[in-house]
Amino acid sequence: MNCELIGPRKLEYYINNPYSYIIDIRSKEMYDSGHIKGAENYPYDYLSSYEGIRAFKSQYRDKSAIYILYCETGTNSLLVCNKLALYGYIVKSLAGGIRGYNGRYLQLKP
């Protein structure tokens, strides 16, 4: 399996898709300040560890689902995306990260 880069328009297709998960890998503080609708927070520092990968695999067992990852600029999500692809997940990374996304599903903290 390979990690696929997707743009903002393609991301919006997956946001309301019941067979996909949106994963924000930024820190909890960054996630709390604003994130994409429906995104779950799984910080990069945790997900980069053996323990974090193990927890992810335990929580997200469905390898037929699509996992969309994003970070601030797209670099870290691409790294994690490639790692998860090695475990057989269908994964995609948002090119440009949340900085490159200005769509209607951006939820900012008031």
Protein backbone atom coordinates (compact mmCIF):
# COMPACT_ATOMS: atom_id res chain seq x y z
CA MET A 1 0.00 0.00 0.00
CA ASN A 2 1.06 3.56 -0.63
CA CYS A 3 0.20 6.87 0.91
CA GLU A 4 -1.71 9.16 -1.43
CA LEU A 5 -1.51 12.95 -1.29
CA ILE A 6 -4.87 14.65 -1.65
CA GLY A 7 -5.91 18.27 -2.01
CA PRO A 8 -8.57 20.23 -0.12
CA ARG A 9 -11.33 19.47 -2.62
CA LYS A 10 -10.79 15.73 -2.34
CA LEU A 11 -10.67 16.05 1.45
CA GLU A 12 -14.18 17.50 1.47
CA TYR A 13 -15.42 14.39 -0.32
CA TYR A 14 -14.17 12.26 2.59
CA ILE A 15 -15.34 14.47 5.47
CA ASN A 16 -18.93 13.19 5.48
CA ASN A 17 -18.05 9.72 4.23
CA PRO A 18 -19.01 7.09 6.85
CA TYR A 19 -16.15 4.85 5.68
CA SER A 20 -13.39 7.34 6.36
CA TYR A 21 -11.67 8.80 9.39
CA ILE A 22 -10.07 12.24 9.53
CA ILE A 23 -7.05 12.25 11.85
CA ASP A 24 -5.41 15.49 13.02
CA ILE A 25 -1.86 14.65 14.12
CA ARG A 26 -1.02 18.09 15.50
CA SER A 27 -0.65 18.68 19.25
CA LYS A 28 -3.78 18.76 21.41
CA GLU A 29 -3.35 22.52 21.89
CA MET A 30 -3.26 23.13 18.14
CA TYR A 31 -6.22 20.81 17.61
CA ASP A 32 -8.20 22.63 20.30
CA SER A 33 -7.53 25.99 18.63
CA GLY A 34 -9.17 24.80 15.41
CA HIS A 35 -9.52 21.67 13.32
CA ILE A 36 -11.37 20.15 10.40
CA LYS A 37 -14.92 19.01 11.14
CA GLY A 38 -15.09 15.45 12.44
CA ALA A 39 -11.33 15.13 12.90
CA GLU A 40 -10.01 13.07 15.77
CA ASN A 41 -6.78 14.11 17.45
CA TYR A 42 -3.87 11.65 17.51
CA PRO A 43 -0.71 13.74 18.10
CA TYR A 44 2.36 13.11 15.95
CA ASP A 45 4.69 12.68 18.93
CA TYR A 46 2.51 9.87 20.26
CA LEU A 47 1.80 8.33 16.86
CA SER A 48 5.53 8.26 16.08
CA SER A 49 6.19 5.95 19.01
CA TYR A 50 5.78 2.19 19.13
CA GLU A 51 3.16 2.59 21.86
CA GLY A 52 1.24 5.11 19.78
CA ILE A 53 1.19 2.92 16.68
CA ARG A 54 0.05 0.00 18.80
CA ALA A 55 -2.78 2.09 20.28
CA PHE A 56 -3.77 3.33 16.82
CA LYS A 57 -3.90 -0.22 15.47
CA SER A 58 -6.02 -1.25 18.44
CA GLN A 59 -8.46 1.66 18.07
CA TYR A 60 -8.65 1.62 14.27
CA ARG A 61 -8.85 -2.02 13.26
CA ASP A 62 -10.80 -1.57 10.04
CA LYS A 63 -8.25 -1.71 7.24
CA SER A 64 -10.95 -1.33 4.60
CA ALA A 65 -11.73 2.20 5.86
CA ILE A 66 -9.90 5.24 4.52
CA TYR A 67 -7.77 7.26 6.92
CA ILE A 68 -7.08 10.89 6.05
CA LEU A 69 -4.21 12.43 8.02
CA TYR A 70 -3.27 16.06 8.30
CA CYS A 71 -0.86 18.21 10.27
CA GLU A 72 0.11 21.89 10.09
CA THR A 73 1.94 21.85 6.73
CA GLY A 74 1.63 18.29 5.43
CA THR A 75 5.14 17.06 6.25
CA ASN A 76 4.50 15.07 9.43
CA SER A 77 1.23 13.63 8.14
CA LEU A 78 3.06 12.31 5.08
CA LEU A 79 5.61 10.57 7.33
CA VAL A 80 2.92 8.92 9.44
CA CYS A 81 0.87 8.15 6.35
CA ASN A 82 3.73 6.14 4.84
CA LYS A 83 4.25 4.30 8.13
CA LEU A 84 0.58 3.31 8.41
CA ALA A 85 0.53 2.22 4.78
CA LEU A 86 3.21 -0.33 5.66
CA TYR A 87 0.75 -1.82 8.16
CA GLY A 88 -1.87 -2.25 5.43
CA TYR A 89 -4.04 0.81 6.05
CA ILE A 90 -5.60 2.81 3.24
CA VAL A 91 -4.17 6.22 4.06
CA LYS A 92 -4.11 9.65 2.49
CA SER A 93 -2.32 12.82 3.54
CA LEU A 94 -3.65 16.34 3.05
CA ALA A 95 -1.14 18.20 0.87
CA GLY A 96 -0.23 21.51 2.52
CA GLY A 97 -1.80 20.46 5.82
CA ILE A 98 -4.38 22.56 7.60
CA ARG A 99 -2.56 25.73 6.49
CA GLY A 100 -3.47 24.89 2.92
CA TYR A 101 -7.11 24.19 3.76
CA ASN A 102 -9.54 27.09 3.73
CA GLY A 103 -12.69 25.07 3.15
CA ARG A 104 -16.08 25.26 4.73
CA TYR A 105 -15.36 22.46 7.22
CA LEU A 106 -12.70 24.34 9.16
CA GLN A 107 -13.85 24.75 12.75
CA LEU A 108 -12.00 27.49 14.59
CA LYS A 109 -12.22 28.13 18.28
CA PRO A 110 -14.17 31.38 18.89
